[in-house]
Amino acid sequence: MTRVPSAQHPLVAREGYGALLVTTVVGIVLYLILGAAVAMPAVPAFLFLCFHFRDPHRDSPSLPLALVAPVDGIVTDVGPCRDPWLGRDAQSVAIAMGLFDVHSLFSPLEGKIIEQWSEPRHADSSQAVPRRAIAYLVRTDEGDDVVLQISAGQFGRSLRFTYQPGERVGHGRRIAYAKLGCHVTIFAAAGTQLNCSLGERVSAAATVIATLVHNTPVSAISHAESGTDNV
């Protein structure tokens, strides 16, 4: 199995540049005015911010039908369910990102973002959809529909999503950043093969959590030529 780079970005997330700059400037000013002893706390603060905003390089497996984990974290739910966004039987994997995990989000598959929702269209009273959840429908070139649901973590919501409906996302590519962590749930077709278990720790863009299953071979070229692009 070959692996491909997930994205090209620095080791420290862009979202942390402002905080690092402020900490550096404050430290220098305190050193110049009040001396090294007073400025010293700026050093551990700077190092903590570097750790908090770390964004290490990731490699994704080059498996076209594999769904990779979108975030670092623990699998909190896995198995068959009812998709509240598309109203279909589905297989789902829920992952909770911790406060001290890497906070970048990655696309679990390659495809086109078809739709974005803030309210589930098919949820019933038995389904507990997180408040203020955002969902993105990503469709592969082979016609597979996968829903990426993102909700706030235990420390609140602060999400920067860099893609919009109509844009393409790459397999294992960086697509968002959650400064204070988040919960992510993936909904795929009912026949999807699950490759993870409850309580398992997964690595974003690297761990294969599920595999899309096609009962008959599907050509991405023929599907694109058919003009099928309806939700």
Foldseek 3Di string as FASTA:
>chain_A
DDWAWQEDDDQFDPVLPVVLVVLVVVLVVCCVPPRDVVSVVSVVVNVVSRQLRTDDIDIADPDQQFFAAFFWFFWADWAWDADQAPRAIWTKTKGWDAQRGHFWTWGRHKFFFADKDQDGPRDDPVDDDDHRKIKTWGAHLLGWTKIKIKAAHPVGFDKDFQDDGPDIHHHSYTGMGTSRTIMIMMTTHHPKAADDDHGDTHHRNYHGGIGDDDPDDTDSVVSVVVVDRDD
